[in-house]
Protein backbone atom coordinates (compact mmCIF):
# COMPACT_ATOMS: atom_id res chain seq x y z
CA MET A 1 -9.23 34.36 -2.40
CA PRO A 2 -6.83 31.38 -2.58
CA ASN A 3 -3.21 32.25 -3.33
CA LEU A 4 -3.09 30.26 -6.57
CA ASP A 5 -6.58 30.87 -7.92
CA LYS A 6 -6.83 29.88 -11.62
CA LYS A 7 -3.08 29.22 -11.94
CA VAL A 8 -1.95 26.12 -13.85
CA ALA A 9 0.64 23.87 -12.21
CA ILE A 10 2.56 20.80 -13.35
CA VAL A 11 3.84 18.61 -10.52
CA THR A 12 6.21 15.69 -11.08
CA GLY A 13 6.45 12.86 -8.59
CA ALA A 14 2.80 13.54 -7.85
CA ALA A 15 1.79 10.01 -6.88
CA SER A 16 3.04 10.13 -3.29
CA GLY A 17 5.11 11.89 -0.66
CA ILE A 18 6.16 15.50 -1.19
CA GLY A 19 4.83 15.66 -4.76
CA LEU A 20 1.36 14.51 -3.74
CA ALA A 21 1.29 16.90 -0.78
CA CYS A 22 2.25 19.82 -3.05
CA ALA A 23 -0.36 18.83 -5.64
CA ARG A 24 -3.04 18.75 -2.93
CA ARG A 25 -1.98 22.12 -1.54
CA TYR A 26 -1.92 23.74 -4.98
CA ALA A 27 -5.40 22.40 -5.75
CA ALA A 28 -6.68 23.57 -2.37
CA GLU A 29 -5.33 27.03 -3.21
CA GLY A 30 -7.36 27.11 -6.43
CA ALA A 31 -4.85 25.88 -9.02
CA ILE A 32 -5.44 23.45 -11.85
CA VAL A 33 -2.89 20.70 -11.22
CA VAL A 34 -1.42 18.34 -13.81
CA GLY A 35 0.34 15.47 -12.07
CA ILE A 36 3.15 13.38 -13.53
CA ASP A 37 4.53 10.15 -12.11
CA LEU A 38 5.88 6.83 -13.37
CA ASN A 39 3.33 5.04 -11.18
CA MET A 40 -0.42 5.47 -11.10
CA SER A 41 -1.66 7.05 -7.90
CA ALA A 42 -4.51 5.70 -5.78
CA ASP A 43 -4.42 9.00 -3.89
CA TRP A 44 -4.75 11.30 -6.92
CA PRO A 45 -8.59 11.54 -6.68
CA SER A 46 -8.04 13.50 -3.46
CA VAL A 47 -6.40 16.19 -5.61
CA GLU A 48 -9.16 16.18 -8.23
CA ALA A 49 -11.75 16.57 -5.46
CA LEU A 50 -10.19 19.91 -4.48
CA ALA A 51 -10.18 21.64 -7.88
CA PRO A 52 -11.77 21.07 -11.29
CA ASN A 53 -9.86 19.94 -14.38
CA CYS A 54 -6.91 18.37 -12.51
CA ARG A 55 -5.25 15.58 -14.49
CA PHE A 56 -2.74 12.77 -13.96
CA HIS A 57 -0.28 11.42 -16.55
CA GLN A 58 1.77 8.24 -16.15
CA VAL A 59 5.11 9.45 -17.47
CA ASP A 60 8.77 8.62 -16.85
CA VAL A 61 10.58 11.91 -16.11
CA THR A 62 13.67 10.63 -17.92
CA ASP A 63 11.62 10.64 -21.15
CA GLY A 64 12.01 14.16 -22.50
CA ALA A 65 9.56 13.69 -25.38
CA ALA A 66 6.85 12.43 -23.03
CA GLN A 67 7.37 15.34 -20.65
CA ARG A 68 7.22 17.79 -23.53
CA ALA A 69 3.98 16.20 -24.74
CA VAL A 70 2.38 16.74 -21.31
CA ALA A 71 3.61 20.33 -21.17
CA ASP A 72 2.37 21.07 -24.69
CA ALA A 73 -1.03 19.53 -23.94
CA THR A 74 -1.28 21.53 -20.71
CA GLY A 75 -0.47 24.79 -22.46
CA ARG A 76 -2.89 24.00 -25.28
CA ASP A 77 -5.77 22.96 -23.01
CA PHE A 78 -5.43 25.63 -20.33
CA GLY A 79 -3.72 28.44 -22.20
CA ARG A 80 -0.70 28.72 -19.92
CA ILE A 81 1.66 27.07 -17.42
CA ASP A 82 2.23 29.15 -14.31
CA ILE A 83 4.00 26.70 -12.02
CA LEU A 84 6.31 23.74 -12.35
CA LEU A 85 7.25 21.72 -9.26
CA THR A 86 9.73 18.87 -9.73
CA ALA A 87 9.39 16.32 -6.93
CA ALA A 88 10.17 13.11 -8.85
CA GLY A 89 13.18 11.44 -7.30
CA VAL A 90 14.78 8.28 -5.96
CA GLY A 91 17.23 7.58 -3.17
CA ASP A 92 20.25 5.31 -3.54
CA GLY A 93 23.94 5.51 -2.89
CA GLY A 94 26.93 4.20 -1.07
CA PRO A 95 30.65 4.98 -0.89
CA VAL A 96 31.95 5.55 -4.41
CA GLY A 97 34.13 2.44 -4.38
CA MET A 98 31.14 0.27 -3.49
CA LEU A 99 28.54 1.91 -5.75
CA GLU A 100 27.52 0.13 -8.94
CA GLU A 101 27.70 2.28 -12.07
CA SER A 102 24.09 1.36 -12.88
CA ALA A 103 22.92 2.71 -9.50
CA TRP A 104 24.79 5.98 -10.09
CA ASP A 105 23.26 6.31 -13.57
CA ARG A 106 19.71 5.68 -12.29
CA VAL A 107 19.90 8.27 -9.51
CA ILE A 108 21.46 10.95 -11.72
CA ALA A 109 19.02 10.20 -14.55
CA ILE A 110 15.89 10.55 -12.42
CA ASN A 111 16.91 13.21 -9.92
CA LEU A 112 19.03 15.52 -12.04
CA LYS A 113 18.37 14.79 -15.70
CA GLY A 114 14.66 14.35 -14.96
CA THR A 115 14.58 17.81 -13.36
CA PHE A 116 16.42 19.28 -16.37
CA LEU A 117 13.92 17.70 -18.76
CA SER A 118 10.93 18.89 -16.72
CA ILE A 119 12.21 22.48 -16.80
CA LYS A 120 13.09 22.28 -20.48
CA ALA A 121 9.58 21.06 -21.31
CA VAL A 122 7.83 24.14 -19.87
CA LEU A 123 10.24 26.89 -20.88
CA ASP A 124 8.78 27.65 -24.32
CA THR A 125 5.36 28.29 -22.78
CA MET A 126 6.73 30.29 -19.87
CA THR A 127 8.99 32.43 -22.04
CA ALA A 128 6.12 33.14 -24.45
CA GLN A 129 3.89 34.31 -21.59
CA ARG A 130 6.84 36.09 -19.87
CA SER A 131 6.06 34.59 -16.49
CA GLY A 132 6.33 31.43 -14.44
CA SER A 133 7.56 29.96 -11.18
CA ILE A 134 9.74 26.85 -11.26
CA ILE A 135 10.28 25.06 -7.95
CA THR A 136 12.70 22.17 -7.76
CA ILE A 137 12.84 19.73 -4.88
CA ALA A 138 16.49 19.31 -3.94
CA SER A 139 17.61 18.27 -0.44
CA VAL A 140 19.74 19.32 2.51
CA GLU A 141 21.93 16.50 1.22
CA GLY A 142 22.56 18.66 -1.84
CA ILE A 143 24.07 21.31 0.43
CA ASN A 144 25.91 19.21 3.02
CA GLY A 145 27.22 15.73 2.37
CA THR A 146 26.11 12.62 4.24
CA GLU A 147 27.98 9.38 4.70
CA GLY A 148 27.34 6.93 1.90
CA GLY A 149 25.23 9.40 -0.04
CA SER A 150 27.48 9.89 -3.05
CA ALA A 151 24.98 9.52 -5.91
CA TYR A 152 22.01 11.12 -4.13
CA ASN A 153 24.10 14.00 -2.77
CA ALA A 154 25.64 14.65 -6.18
CA SER A 155 22.25 14.62 -7.90
CA LYS A 156 20.65 17.02 -5.41
CA GLY A 157 23.67 19.33 -5.38
CA GLY A 158 23.27 19.45 -9.15
CA VAL A 159 19.58 20.34 -8.77
CA VAL A 160 20.48 23.29 -6.52
CA LEU A 161 22.97 24.73 -9.01
CA LEU A 162 20.75 23.98 -12.00
CA SER A 163 17.98 25.96 -10.30
CA LYS A 164 20.27 28.92 -9.72
CA ASN A 165 21.37 28.82 -13.36
CA VAL A 166 17.77 28.80 -14.61
CA ALA A 167 17.05 31.78 -12.35
CA MET A 168 19.98 33.68 -13.89
CA ASP A 169 19.20 32.79 -17.49
CA TYR A 170 15.44 33.42 -17.45
CA GLY A 171 14.85 36.04 -14.76
CA ARG A 172 14.56 38.90 -17.25
CA MET A 173 11.78 36.97 -18.96
CA GLY A 174 9.68 37.02 -15.80
CA ILE A 175 10.50 33.41 -14.87
CA ARG A 176 11.59 32.62 -11.33
CA CYS A 177 13.34 29.42 -10.24
CA ASN A 178 13.98 28.32 -6.68
CA ALA A 179 15.01 25.07 -5.01
CA ILE A 180 13.50 23.70 -1.82
CA CYS A 181 15.95 21.66 0.25
CA PRO A 182 13.92 19.44 2.57
CA GLY A 183 15.44 17.76 5.55
CA PHE A 184 14.31 14.29 6.53
CA ILE A 185 10.61 14.06 5.69
CA ASP A 186 8.26 11.23 6.67
CA THR A 187 7.58 9.85 3.18
CA PRO A 188 7.38 6.36 1.64
CA MET A 189 10.83 6.89 0.09
CA LEU A 190 12.47 7.76 3.41
CA ASN A 191 10.73 4.92 5.22
CA GLY A 192 11.83 2.52 2.50
CA LEU A 193 15.44 3.61 2.90
CA MET A 194 15.45 3.65 6.70
CA GLY A 195 12.95 0.91 7.47
CA SER A 196 15.67 -1.62 8.25
CA LEU A 197 17.92 0.92 10.00
CA PRO A 198 16.08 2.12 13.13
CA GLN A 199 19.29 3.43 14.69
CA LEU A 200 19.92 5.67 11.67
CA LYS A 201 16.41 7.07 11.88
CA ALA A 202 16.83 7.73 15.62
CA ASP A 203 20.12 9.53 14.94
CA VAL A 204 18.52 11.71 12.27
CA VAL A 205 15.70 12.67 14.64
CA ARG A 206 18.23 13.47 17.36
CA GLU A 207 20.17 15.76 15.01
CA THR A 208 16.97 17.48 13.86
CA LYS A 209 16.63 20.37 16.30
CA MET A 210 12.84 20.14 16.38
CA GLY A 211 13.14 16.52 17.46
CA ARG A 212 11.01 14.91 14.75
CA LEU A 213 10.80 14.10 11.07
CA GLY A 214 9.13 16.66 8.83
CA LYS A 215 5.75 16.21 7.20
CA PRO A 216 5.20 16.41 3.42
CA GLU A 217 2.60 19.12 4.06
CA GLU A 218 5.31 21.30 5.61
CA ILE A 219 7.25 21.20 2.36
CA ALA A 220 4.02 21.94 0.49
CA GLY A 221 3.62 25.11 2.54
CA ALA A 222 7.00 26.38 1.34
CA ALA A 223 6.17 25.28 -2.21
CA CYS A 224 2.92 27.24 -2.07
CA PHE A 225 4.77 30.39 -1.04
CA LEU A 226 7.30 30.03 -3.87
CA ALA A 227 4.52 29.41 -6.39
CA SER A 228 2.49 32.44 -5.30
CA ASP A 229 2.86 36.14 -6.00
CA ASP A 230 3.92 36.57 -2.36
CA SER A 231 7.39 35.44 -3.49
CA SER A 232 7.49 37.65 -6.58
CA TYR A 233 11.02 38.93 -5.78
CA VAL A 234 12.46 35.56 -4.73
CA THR A 235 14.54 33.70 -7.29
CA GLY A 236 17.77 31.73 -7.39
CA HIS A 237 17.28 30.73 -3.76
CA ALA A 238 17.77 27.35 -2.07
CA LEU A 239 15.21 27.33 0.73
CA VAL A 240 16.13 24.91 3.51
CA VAL A 241 13.11 23.36 5.27
CA ASP A 242 14.69 20.90 7.66
CA GLY A 243 13.57 21.43 11.26
CA GLY A 244 17.03 22.79 12.07
CA TYR A 245 18.98 19.73 10.90
CA THR A 246 21.64 21.86 9.19
CA ALA A 247 21.71 24.60 11.85
CA GLY A 248 24.69 22.99 13.57
CA HIS A 249 25.78 20.00 15.60
CA SER A 250 24.16 18.96 18.87
CA HIS A 251 26.24 17.52 21.70
CA GLY A 252 23.70 17.41 24.52
CA ILE A 253 25.00 20.54 26.25
CA VAL A 254 21.62 22.24 26.65
CA GLN A 255 20.24 19.06 28.18
CA LEU A 256 23.08 19.06 30.71
CA MET A 257 22.18 22.67 31.53
CA GLY A 258 18.58 21.65 32.17
CA LEU A 259 17.05 23.58 29.24
CA VAL A 260 15.09 20.60 27.91
């Protein structure tokens, strides 16, 4: 039997990248998936083909009323909400002195406030049913800083601590909340940010101990575990899925010793 058979999941940022990969994996595992994204998705039919009753809503995650309307409709139509995965996000940044206030506001609004509003929208249903798994998509950049990443790093660090706080506040109601902290994943957002900086991409790959970018499906695997009953005693955790990027610094010593 699939791990998520008959569970109901809401996935934000479901049009592409990590969100789409998670939506597909949840549907393949038997869940009903309700996707949310600001943009329509040409790839969403691949989710609907995997499980009946999957739906897509074009919603801005910074619009709390719209998110609540989707959550209320989901609870009304399917009787429950078992899973929330928040993958909606944008990347932008720069040194603080060079960063426009409008850029800071946009990143914080989508990445952090959007996550807050997504969680807030499902809590009434989850508390009433005394169960639920909330999975936020943070980043390794929310754990360790990166040069020029002020707004993005701050937003994802906030997502990590917000997730821990939700785990503390709602654990006794049967609601779990965990953050996934991906490393550098081969997605349209990453390629858009690094497309004109091939040296940066090469440096990231070199510092990733597995020697490659991650795949969205590899984040979906972790998201499936955290959504399933296999993780029933896991909450308040920030799960790093980064190919070893944050394991430590590499200086070429093992190559000099002939290991690789």
